[in-house]
Amino acid sequence: MPRFLVCTGSNILLPDSDTLQPATIIVDELTGKITDIYHAQIPRNELDLHGDITWVDAQDKVVLPGLVDTHVHLNEPGRTEWEGFFTGTLAAASGGVTTVVEMPLNSIPPTTTVENLETKRTAAQGQCFTDVAFWGGIIPDNQHHLKPLIRAGVKGFKCFLIDSGIDEFPCVSEAQVIAAMEEIQNGDVPMLFHAELDTHQHKDNTDGDPTQYSTFLDSRPQQLEFDAISLITTVQRSYPNLRCHIVHLSAASALPVIRAAKDTGLKLTVETCFHYLCLSSEEIPSGRPEFKCCPPIRDRGNQDALWDALKAGVIDCVVSDHSPCVAELKHLEGGDIMKAWGGISTLGLGLSLLWTEGKERGITIAQISKWTSQNTARHAGLDAFKGKLEVGYDGDFVIWDPDSSFKVTAEDLGFRNKVSAYVGRTVRGRVEQTYLRGRMIYNRISANAGPVGQLI
C-alpha cells in the first residue's frame, strides 16, 4: 500500500520566493521524493491520497529545505575517536542538515584512491543519519587516481597549498596543481583549495605569548590567503572549463581578487564559515584554544566585509568546516593556542548561529537557506535532487522555530568531543524536527527514525 508523508504549515519556504507562505508538501515515503506541492494549507479530509498517511502539521513554525553542509570532517576510520559517521551525522541532523559532503583528510586512509574511498564507504555503511557524499583528495603525485575517483562518485577534489597538519595528506606545489588540473579539467567536478600560501614562512613562526589569540593571528596573516587565491586564479585561466572553489575564506583582503576573477568569467566559487561570520578576534579571550582554526578568525571589520560579499554574491555559500579532535589535542588546560589542533566544531549549531547574527544585519531566512542549502547543493553537484522543496526533489525538510532561544551547553552538543567555541553563547532559532526523504531523523523531544541516511 502506498505511504505518504504530508507536511502542512503557514510558513513554508518554497523555491524562488523571498517570503514564507502557506503550503502543503506531499512526499512518497517509498521513493522519498516530493510528489506534489500545494500553495495552501490543505485540510487532511480534502486530500485525495489513497494509502497510509503520516501527517505533520508545522502550524506557524518555519519549514525549510534541509541544509547541505559541504565541508565536514568525520574522520572515520582511523581517527574515529575525533569524530565518526554516527555521532557526526546525528549532530548534523539536530541542526537541520540532511546532507553532508565529507572531506578527504583526517581519516586514515585519506580519500585519495578508489580503494581508500571504498574503505570509508564501508565504515560509513549503516551509521549515517543524514545522506553523505564524499570529496576526493589531491596530494603529490596521485593524479592517475583522480579520473577513477570521479567514476567512483566523488563530487570533486580538495587540496592544500600549505601544510595540512596531517602527515597522510601533504600539500601540493604549483606544478602538482597544474598536473591535477590537466587530469580533471573535463570531468565536470570542482577542484577545492585550502587557500593559504606561506611564501614568507609565517606559519607558527613567532615568539609571542602562545596563550594570546593575537599571537596565532599574527602567524597566519591575510597575505597567505591573498597570495594563494592570486595563484589559483592565475593558473585557472589556462583551464576555462574547470571550476575552482575556495574553501573557508576568512581574508577580506582577497575579495577584490575574487571579484575580478568572477567578472572576467572564471568558474570560481567561494565559501565562508559560520565562525568567520559570527565570531571576531576582538572577543576571543586569552588561553582559549577552542577558538583556533585555520585560517584564523579575524577582526570585526573583516567580518563585516565578508557579510557584504556574501550578500553581494561574491561569496556563494556558508558551511561549517566541522573539524573536531580529541580534547587533549586542543590543549585546553594550558591554554596554548599555538600548539592546539586548529578546528572549530559546529555541527548542529550553524542555522541558529547564522540566524542570530544575520538578523542583526537585516538578513532573511530565504537568504540563509540559499547560502546553506541551494548553493551548497549546486556546489557539490547535488542540485538535481537536494537543496529545494520542489516536486521531484528529495523530501528533505526542517521544522524550525525562529523565535526560540537557547544557551549552548557542552551537554547539548551532539558530536563526539564536547568542545566548541560556542559553548556559553546564547543563540536564537531552534530546529524542532528534521526529515530526510520523508523520514524523521531528528526530533528535539522524542525518538527519531535512526541512521537511515544513504551514501550518495
Protein backbone atom coordinates (compact mmCIF):
# COMPACT_ATOMS: atom_id res chain seq x y z
CA MET A 1 0.00 0.00 0.00
CA PRO A 2 1.31 3.49 -0.82
CA ARG A 3 2.59 5.58 2.08
CA PHE A 4 2.77 9.34 2.14
CA LEU A 5 4.12 11.98 4.47
CA VAL A 6 2.18 15.23 4.30
CA CYS A 7 3.65 18.41 5.78
CA THR A 8 1.44 21.46 6.00
CA GLY A 9 2.06 24.84 7.56
CA SER A 10 1.62 28.59 7.22
CA ASN A 11 5.32 29.49 6.87
CA ILE A 12 6.97 27.28 4.25
CA LEU A 13 9.92 28.41 2.13
CA LEU A 14 9.37 27.37 -1.47
CA PRO A 15 11.83 27.87 -4.36
CA ASP A 16 12.28 31.27 -5.97
CA SER A 17 10.47 33.02 -3.15
CA ASP A 18 11.83 35.50 -0.65
CA THR A 19 8.82 35.13 1.62
CA LEU A 20 7.33 32.33 3.67
CA GLN A 21 3.89 31.16 2.57
CA PRO A 22 1.15 28.64 3.38
CA ALA A 23 1.74 25.33 1.62
CA THR A 24 1.22 21.59 1.77
CA ILE A 25 4.01 19.23 0.70
CA ILE A 26 3.42 15.58 -0.15
CA VAL A 27 6.28 13.07 -0.01
CA ASP A 28 6.04 9.49 -1.28
CA GLU A 29 7.62 7.57 1.60
CA LEU A 30 8.57 4.67 -0.67
CA THR A 31 10.65 6.79 -3.06
CA GLY A 32 11.44 9.61 -0.64
CA LYS A 33 10.53 12.15 -3.35
CA ILE A 34 8.22 15.16 -3.21
CA THR A 35 5.25 14.33 -5.45
CA ASP A 36 3.05 17.41 -5.01
CA ILE A 37 3.16 20.88 -3.51
CA TYR A 38 0.01 22.93 -2.92
CA HIS A 39 0.36 26.66 -2.30
CA ALA A 40 -2.18 26.48 0.51
CA GLN A 41 -2.80 24.59 3.73
CA ILE A 42 -4.97 21.65 2.65
CA PRO A 43 -7.13 20.03 5.35
CA ARG A 44 -6.49 16.34 5.78
CA ASN A 45 -10.00 15.34 4.75
CA GLU A 46 -9.62 17.20 1.45
CA LEU A 47 -6.50 15.37 0.31
CA ASP A 48 -7.11 12.87 -2.48
CA LEU A 49 -4.48 10.34 -1.36
CA HIS A 50 -5.00 6.59 -1.28
CA GLY A 51 -2.70 4.91 1.21
CA ASP A 52 -1.23 5.38 4.67
CA ILE A 53 -0.60 9.00 5.60
CA THR A 54 1.84 10.43 8.11
CA TRP A 55 0.51 13.89 8.93
CA VAL A 56 2.90 16.66 10.00
CA ASP A 57 1.31 19.97 10.93
CA ALA A 58 4.05 22.58 11.32
CA GLN A 59 1.41 25.20 12.26
CA ASP A 60 3.18 28.58 12.38
CA LYS A 61 6.71 27.13 12.62
CA VAL A 62 9.00 27.67 9.63
CA VAL A 63 9.56 24.82 7.16
CA LEU A 64 12.87 25.00 5.28
CA PRO A 65 14.72 22.75 2.83
CA GLY A 66 17.24 20.52 4.57
CA LEU A 67 20.69 22.08 4.81
CA VAL A 68 23.51 20.69 2.67
CA ASP A 69 26.81 21.08 4.52
CA THR A 70 29.61 20.58 2.01
CA HIS A 71 32.56 20.92 4.40
CA VAL A 72 32.53 18.33 7.18
CA HIS A 73 35.35 16.25 8.68
CA LEU A 74 34.04 12.97 10.07
CA ASN A 75 37.47 11.28 10.33
CA GLU A 76 36.29 7.66 10.27
CA PRO A 77 38.04 5.25 10.01
CA GLY A 78 41.44 5.87 11.54
CA ARG A 79 40.64 8.84 13.78
CA THR A 80 37.14 7.83 14.84
CA GLU A 81 37.92 8.99 18.38
CA TRP A 82 37.92 12.52 16.89
CA GLU A 83 34.55 12.08 15.18
CA GLY A 84 32.58 9.34 13.44
CA PHE A 85 29.74 8.95 10.98
CA PHE A 86 27.17 8.10 13.66
CA THR A 87 27.86 10.98 16.04
CA GLY A 88 28.71 13.49 13.33
CA THR A 89 25.62 12.94 11.20
CA LEU A 90 23.33 12.83 14.24
CA ALA A 91 24.74 16.19 15.34
CA ALA A 92 24.23 17.50 11.81
CA ALA A 93 20.60 16.33 11.76
CA SER A 94 19.96 18.16 15.04
CA GLY A 95 20.84 21.37 13.22
CA GLY A 96 18.62 20.75 10.20
CA VAL A 97 21.35 19.31 7.97
CA THR A 98 20.10 16.47 5.77
CA THR A 99 23.20 16.01 3.58
CA VAL A 100 26.90 16.32 4.37
CA VAL A 101 29.81 16.11 1.97
CA GLU A 102 32.76 14.62 3.82
CA MET A 103 36.29 15.93 3.46
CA PRO A 104 39.04 13.53 2.30
CA LEU A 105 41.56 14.09 5.10
CA ASN A 106 41.88 13.39 8.84
CA SER A 107 40.67 9.83 8.32
CA ILE A 108 43.16 7.01 7.80
CA PRO A 109 43.32 6.29 4.93
CA PRO A 110 42.53 9.60 3.23
CA THR A 111 40.20 9.59 0.23
CA THR A 112 42.94 9.73 -2.39
CA THR A 113 42.32 6.41 -4.19
CA VAL A 114 39.25 4.37 -5.09
CA GLU A 115 40.37 1.69 -2.63
CA ASN A 116 40.52 4.26 0.16
CA LEU A 117 37.10 5.62 -0.82
CA GLU A 118 35.62 2.14 -0.54
CA THR A 119 37.23 1.73 2.88
CA LYS A 120 35.49 4.91 4.01
CA ARG A 121 32.16 3.89 2.50
CA THR A 122 32.35 0.55 4.28
CA ALA A 123 32.97 2.33 7.58
CA ALA A 124 30.02 4.66 6.99
CA GLN A 125 27.51 1.98 5.99
CA GLY A 126 24.51 1.83 8.32
CA GLN A 127 25.80 4.63 10.59
CA CYS A 128 24.54 7.79 8.92
CA PHE A 129 21.51 9.82 9.97
CA THR A 130 21.97 12.19 7.03
CA ASP A 131 22.84 11.40 3.44
CA VAL A 132 26.60 11.52 2.89
CA ALA A 133 28.64 12.26 -0.22
CA PHE A 134 32.43 12.40 -0.47
CA TRP A 135 35.12 14.72 -1.76
CA GLY A 136 38.30 13.15 -3.06
CA GLY A 137 41.78 14.39 -2.26
CA ILE A 138 44.70 15.67 -4.31
CA ILE A 139 48.12 15.01 -2.82
CA PRO A 140 51.54 14.95 -4.51
CA ASP A 141 51.65 12.58 -7.48
CA ASN A 142 48.20 10.94 -7.17
CA GLN A 143 46.98 12.38 -10.50
CA HIS A 144 46.41 8.93 -12.01
CA HIS A 145 43.85 8.19 -9.27
CA LEU A 146 41.65 11.21 -10.00
CA LYS A 147 39.65 10.01 -13.01
CA PRO A 148 38.90 6.63 -11.36
CA LEU A 149 37.70 8.52 -8.27
CA ILE A 150 35.36 10.60 -10.45
CA ARG A 151 33.95 7.41 -11.94
CA ALA A 152 33.55 6.04 -8.42
CA GLY A 153 31.38 9.01 -7.47
CA VAL A 154 33.41 11.63 -5.60
CA LYS A 155 31.98 15.11 -6.04
CA GLY A 156 35.28 16.93 -6.53
CA PHE A 157 38.80 17.18 -5.12
CA LYS A 158 40.34 19.02 -2.17
CA CYS A 159 43.98 20.05 -1.92
CA PHE A 160 46.17 22.14 0.37
CA LEU A 161 48.64 24.82 -0.66
CA ILE A 162 50.04 24.87 2.89
CA ASP A 163 50.89 22.13 5.40
CA SER A 164 47.61 20.41 6.30
CA GLY A 165 48.82 19.26 9.71
CA ILE A 166 48.08 15.67 8.65
CA ASP A 167 51.02 13.53 7.54
CA GLU A 168 48.81 11.37 5.29
CA PHE A 169 47.64 14.42 3.32
CA PRO A 170 50.63 16.53 2.17
CA CYS A 171 50.22 19.88 0.46
CA VAL A 172 50.82 20.32 -3.26
CA SER A 173 53.08 22.60 -5.27
CA GLU A 174 52.06 24.80 -8.19
CA ALA A 175 53.36 22.16 -10.61
CA GLN A 176 51.29 19.47 -8.90
CA VAL A 177 48.20 21.71 -9.03
CA ILE A 178 48.68 22.07 -12.77
CA ALA A 179 49.14 18.30 -13.20
CA ALA A 180 45.87 17.68 -11.35
CA MET A 181 44.05 20.33 -13.39
CA GLU A 182 45.20 18.61 -16.56
CA GLU A 183 43.58 15.38 -15.36
CA ILE A 184 40.21 16.69 -14.18
CA GLN A 185 39.61 19.73 -16.40
CA ASN A 186 36.84 17.98 -18.37
CA GLY A 187 35.48 15.87 -15.52
CA ASP A 188 32.66 18.26 -14.53
CA VAL A 189 33.78 18.32 -10.89
CA PRO A 190 35.39 21.19 -8.98
CA MET A 191 38.87 21.49 -7.54
CA LEU A 192 38.77 22.75 -3.96
CA PHE A 193 41.60 24.70 -2.37
CA HIS A 194 42.66 25.30 1.18
CA ALA A 195 43.91 28.68 0.03
CA GLU A 196 46.84 29.69 2.20
CA LEU A 197 50.28 30.00 0.60
CA ASP A 198 53.16 30.51 3.01
CA THR A 199 55.82 32.12 0.86
CA HIS A 200 57.28 34.01 3.82
CA GLN A 201 57.34 31.24 6.45
CA HIS A 202 54.77 32.96 8.66
CA LYS A 203 53.17 29.80 9.98
CA ASP A 204 53.69 29.30 13.72
CA ASN A 205 56.86 31.35 13.47
CA THR A 206 56.54 33.87 16.28
CA ASP A 207 57.91 34.50 19.76
CA GLY A 208 54.67 35.92 21.15
CA ASP A 209 52.68 34.63 24.12
CA PRO A 210 51.14 31.30 22.92
CA THR A 211 48.04 31.82 25.08
CA GLN A 212 47.13 35.06 23.29
CA TYR A 213 44.93 34.73 20.24
CA SER A 214 46.73 37.69 18.68
CA THR A 215 49.93 35.62 18.58
CA PHE A 216 48.24 32.97 16.48
CA LEU A 217 46.51 35.57 14.33
CA ASP A 218 49.85 37.21 13.54
CA SER A 219 51.22 33.84 12.44
CA ARG A 220 48.51 33.41 9.74
CA PRO A 221 48.15 36.88 8.14
CA GLN A 222 45.67 37.65 5.39
CA GLN A 223 48.55 37.78 2.92
CA LEU A 224 48.68 33.97 2.92
CA GLU A 225 45.14 33.77 1.58
CA PHE A 226 45.65 36.66 -0.83
CA ASP A 227 48.75 35.02 -2.33
CA ALA A 228 47.08 31.61 -2.63
CA ILE A 229 43.96 32.93 -4.32
CA SER A 230 46.05 35.05 -6.67
CA LEU A 231 47.97 31.92 -7.68
CA ILE A 232 44.82 29.82 -8.08
CA THR A 233 43.06 32.33 -10.32
CA THR A 234 46.19 32.84 -12.41
CA VAL A 235 46.66 29.12 -13.05
CA GLN A 236 42.94 28.58 -13.57
CA ARG A 237 42.92 30.82 -16.63
CA SER A 238 44.59 28.03 -18.59
CA TYR A 239 41.69 25.67 -17.73
CA PRO A 240 38.49 27.60 -18.53
CA ASN A 241 36.25 24.51 -18.22
CA LEU A 242 37.39 23.73 -14.68
CA ARG A 243 35.57 25.18 -11.71
CA CYS A 244 37.79 26.08 -8.78
CA HIS A 245 36.43 26.59 -5.29
CA ILE A 246 37.94 28.41 -2.33
CA VAL A 247 37.12 26.69 0.95
CA HIS A 248 36.66 28.57 4.25
CA LEU A 249 37.58 32.08 3.08
CA SER A 250 38.47 34.27 6.05
CA ALA A 251 40.51 37.11 4.50
CA ALA A 252 38.53 40.08 3.21
CA SER A 253 41.69 41.37 1.53
CA ALA A 254 41.29 38.61 -1.09
CA LEU A 255 37.79 39.73 -2.10
CA PRO A 256 38.98 42.09 -4.89
CA VAL A 257 40.91 39.21 -6.50
CA ILE A 258 37.79 37.03 -6.30
CA ARG A 259 35.54 39.74 -7.75
CA ALA A 260 37.94 40.34 -10.62
CA ALA A 261 38.16 36.62 -11.40
CA LYS A 262 34.40 36.24 -11.45
CA ASP A 263 33.95 39.40 -13.53
CA THR A 264 36.27 38.01 -16.21
CA GLY A 265 34.25 34.80 -16.42
CA LEU A 266 36.39 32.38 -14.44
CA LYS A 267 34.44 29.49 -12.97
CA LEU A 268 35.25 30.35 -9.37
CA THR A 269 33.08 29.74 -6.32
CA VAL A 270 33.78 30.61 -2.71
CA GLU A 271 32.56 29.53 0.70
CA THR A 272 32.97 31.02 4.13
CA CYS A 273 32.08 29.53 7.50
CA PHE A 274 29.75 30.18 10.40
CA HIS A 275 32.68 31.06 12.64
CA TYR A 276 34.05 33.77 10.36
CA LEU A 277 30.60 35.38 10.18
CA CYS A 278 29.67 35.03 13.84
CA LEU A 279 32.94 35.37 15.80
CA SER A 280 35.57 38.12 15.80
CA SER A 281 39.12 38.13 17.07
CA GLU A 282 38.43 41.03 19.48
CA GLU A 283 36.08 38.86 21.55
CA ILE A 284 38.35 35.82 21.91
CA PRO A 285 39.73 35.55 25.48
CA SER A 286 43.31 34.57 26.17
CA GLY A 287 44.03 30.91 26.82
CA ARG A 288 41.05 29.64 24.80
CA PRO A 289 42.33 27.23 22.11
CA GLU A 290 38.80 26.12 21.22
CA PHE A 291 38.67 29.28 19.05
CA LYS A 292 41.65 28.21 16.93
CA CYS A 293 41.02 27.38 13.28
CA CYS A 294 42.99 27.72 10.07
CA PRO A 295 42.74 30.24 8.54
CA PRO A 296 42.01 32.21 11.70
CA ILE A 297 39.02 34.20 12.88
CA ARG A 298 39.80 37.82 12.08
CA ASP A 299 38.61 41.24 13.30
CA ARG A 300 35.12 42.69 13.21
CA GLY A 301 35.81 44.92 10.21
CA ASN A 302 36.91 41.85 8.26
CA GLN A 303 33.73 40.08 9.37
CA ASP A 304 31.59 42.96 8.09
CA ALA A 305 33.32 42.76 4.70
CA LEU A 306 32.59 39.02 4.47
CA TRP A 307 28.91 39.64 5.16
CA ASP A 308 28.81 42.32 2.47
CA ALA A 309 30.45 39.96 -0.03
CA LEU A 310 28.01 37.21 0.86
CA LYS A 311 25.03 39.50 0.32
CA ALA A 312 26.51 40.66 -3.00
CA GLY A 313 27.07 37.11 -4.26
CA VAL A 314 30.86 37.36 -4.30
CA ILE A 315 30.85 34.59 -1.65
CA ASP A 316 28.49 31.82 -2.71
CA CYS A 317 27.77 29.70 0.33
CA VAL A 318 28.25 29.09 4.07
CA VAL A 319 29.42 25.80 5.60
CA SER A 320 30.54 24.51 8.98
CA ASP A 321 34.07 23.22 8.36
CA HIS A 322 33.32 21.00 11.35
CA SER A 323 36.89 19.97 12.23
CA PRO A 324 36.94 18.21 15.60
CA CYS A 325 39.66 16.41 17.54
CA VAL A 326 40.03 14.77 20.93
CA ALA A 327 40.05 17.27 23.79
CA GLU A 328 43.72 16.62 24.60
CA LEU A 329 44.80 17.99 21.22
CA LYS A 330 43.11 21.31 21.98
CA HIS A 331 45.48 21.95 24.95
CA LEU A 332 42.60 23.37 26.97
CA GLU A 333 44.30 23.09 30.33
CA GLY A 334 47.42 25.02 29.43
CA GLY A 335 45.62 27.34 27.03
CA ASP A 336 48.41 27.03 24.44
CA ILE A 337 46.75 28.20 21.27
CA MET A 338 49.87 27.73 19.17
CA LYS A 339 50.13 24.01 19.98
CA ALA A 340 46.41 23.28 19.74
CA TRP A 341 44.75 21.49 16.85
CA GLY A 342 43.12 24.05 14.58
CA GLY A 343 39.45 23.37 14.06
CA ILE A 344 36.04 24.51 15.33
CA SER A 345 33.22 22.04 15.98
CA THR A 346 29.90 23.39 14.77
CA LEU A 347 27.57 20.61 13.60
CA GLY A 348 24.07 21.21 14.92
CA LEU A 349 24.52 24.94 15.53
CA GLY A 350 25.05 26.60 12.15
CA LEU A 351 21.49 27.59 11.31
CA SER A 352 20.96 29.14 14.75
CA LEU A 353 24.31 30.95 14.63
CA LEU A 354 23.67 32.41 11.20
CA TRP A 355 20.13 33.48 12.08
CA THR A 356 21.27 35.11 15.33
CA GLU A 357 24.00 37.15 13.68
CA GLY A 358 22.17 37.69 10.40
CA LYS A 359 19.03 39.04 11.98
CA GLU A 360 21.06 41.93 13.38
CA ARG A 361 22.16 42.66 9.81
CA GLY A 362 18.73 42.50 8.16
CA ILE A 363 19.28 39.04 6.69
CA THR A 364 16.22 36.95 5.81
CA ILE A 365 15.74 33.25 6.30
CA ALA A 366 15.38 32.92 2.50
CA GLN A 367 18.92 34.28 2.07
CA ILE A 368 20.28 31.92 4.71
CA SER A 369 18.58 28.96 3.06
CA LYS A 370 20.05 29.91 -0.31
CA TRP A 371 23.57 30.04 1.17
CA THR A 372 23.28 26.82 3.18
CA SER A 373 21.01 24.62 1.04
CA GLN A 374 20.52 25.68 -2.56
CA ASN A 375 24.02 26.98 -3.34
CA THR A 376 25.82 24.26 -1.39
CA ALA A 377 23.81 21.57 -3.21
CA ARG A 378 24.83 23.12 -6.51
CA HIS A 379 28.46 23.30 -5.41
CA ALA A 380 28.54 19.54 -4.75
CA GLY A 381 26.60 18.62 -7.88
CA LEU A 382 23.55 17.54 -5.87
CA ASP A 383 21.18 20.27 -7.04
CA ALA A 384 19.06 17.94 -9.19
CA PHE A 385 17.53 16.46 -6.02
CA LYS A 386 18.79 18.36 -2.96
CA GLY A 387 18.54 21.92 -1.61
CA LYS A 388 14.94 22.85 -2.54
CA LEU A 389 11.37 21.98 -1.64
CA GLU A 390 10.30 21.14 -5.17
CA VAL A 391 8.43 18.35 -6.91
CA GLY A 392 10.86 15.58 -7.86
CA TYR A 393 13.36 16.53 -5.16
CA ASP A 394 14.10 14.51 -2.06
CA GLY A 395 11.66 15.13 0.78
CA ASP A 396 14.31 16.75 2.98
CA PHE A 397 12.98 19.49 5.23
CA VAL A 398 13.34 21.14 8.61
CA ILE A 399 10.72 22.39 11.04
CA TRP A 400 12.30 25.37 12.73
CA ASP A 401 11.28 27.83 15.44
CA PRO A 402 12.89 31.19 14.62
CA ASP A 403 11.84 32.79 17.92
CA SER A 404 13.13 30.17 20.34
CA SER A 405 16.44 30.97 22.02
CA PHE A 406 18.80 28.75 23.98
CA LYS A 407 22.20 28.78 25.60
CA VAL A 408 24.70 26.36 24.08
CA THR A 409 25.99 23.88 26.66
CA ALA A 410 28.54 21.11 26.25
CA GLU A 411 25.91 18.55 27.26
CA ASP A 412 23.67 19.60 24.36
CA LEU A 413 26.35 19.10 21.70
CA GLY A 414 25.66 16.04 19.56
CA PHE A 415 29.14 15.46 18.21
CA ARG A 416 31.64 13.11 19.84
CA ASN A 417 34.01 15.53 21.61
CA LYS A 418 32.07 18.18 23.51
CA VAL A 419 34.44 21.07 22.80
CA SER A 420 33.23 24.10 20.87
CA ALA A 421 33.88 27.82 20.66
CA TYR A 422 30.13 28.36 21.03
CA VAL A 423 29.62 26.85 24.49
CA GLY A 424 28.06 29.52 26.71
CA ARG A 425 26.74 31.52 23.77
CA THR A 426 23.00 32.29 23.57
CA VAL A 427 21.56 31.84 20.09
CA ARG A 428 18.16 32.29 18.50
CA GLY A 429 16.29 29.85 16.29
CA ARG A 430 15.93 26.16 17.06
CA VAL A 431 15.37 23.05 14.98
CA GLU A 432 12.34 21.10 16.18
CA GLN A 433 12.39 18.26 13.63
CA THR A 434 14.45 17.19 10.63
CA TYR A 435 13.17 14.93 7.86
CA LEU A 436 15.21 13.02 5.28
CA ARG A 437 13.30 11.74 2.25
CA GLY A 438 10.12 11.88 4.31
CA ARG A 439 11.52 10.13 7.38
CA MET A 440 12.15 11.93 10.66
CA ILE A 441 15.84 11.73 11.52
CA TYR A 442 15.76 14.20 14.40
CA ASN A 443 13.11 15.21 16.90
CA ARG A 444 14.05 17.53 19.74
CA ILE A 445 11.62 15.98 22.22
CA SER A 446 11.16 12.34 21.15
CA ALA A 447 12.64 9.45 19.18
CA ASN A 448 13.70 9.54 15.52
CA ALA A 449 13.95 7.08 12.66
CA GLY A 450 17.58 6.18 13.33
CA PRO A 451 20.50 6.13 10.89
CA VAL A 452 18.59 5.86 7.59
CA GLY A 453 20.95 8.08 5.57
CA GLN A 454 22.30 6.91 2.23
CA LEU A 455 25.76 7.19 0.71
CA ILE A 456 25.49 9.32 -2.42
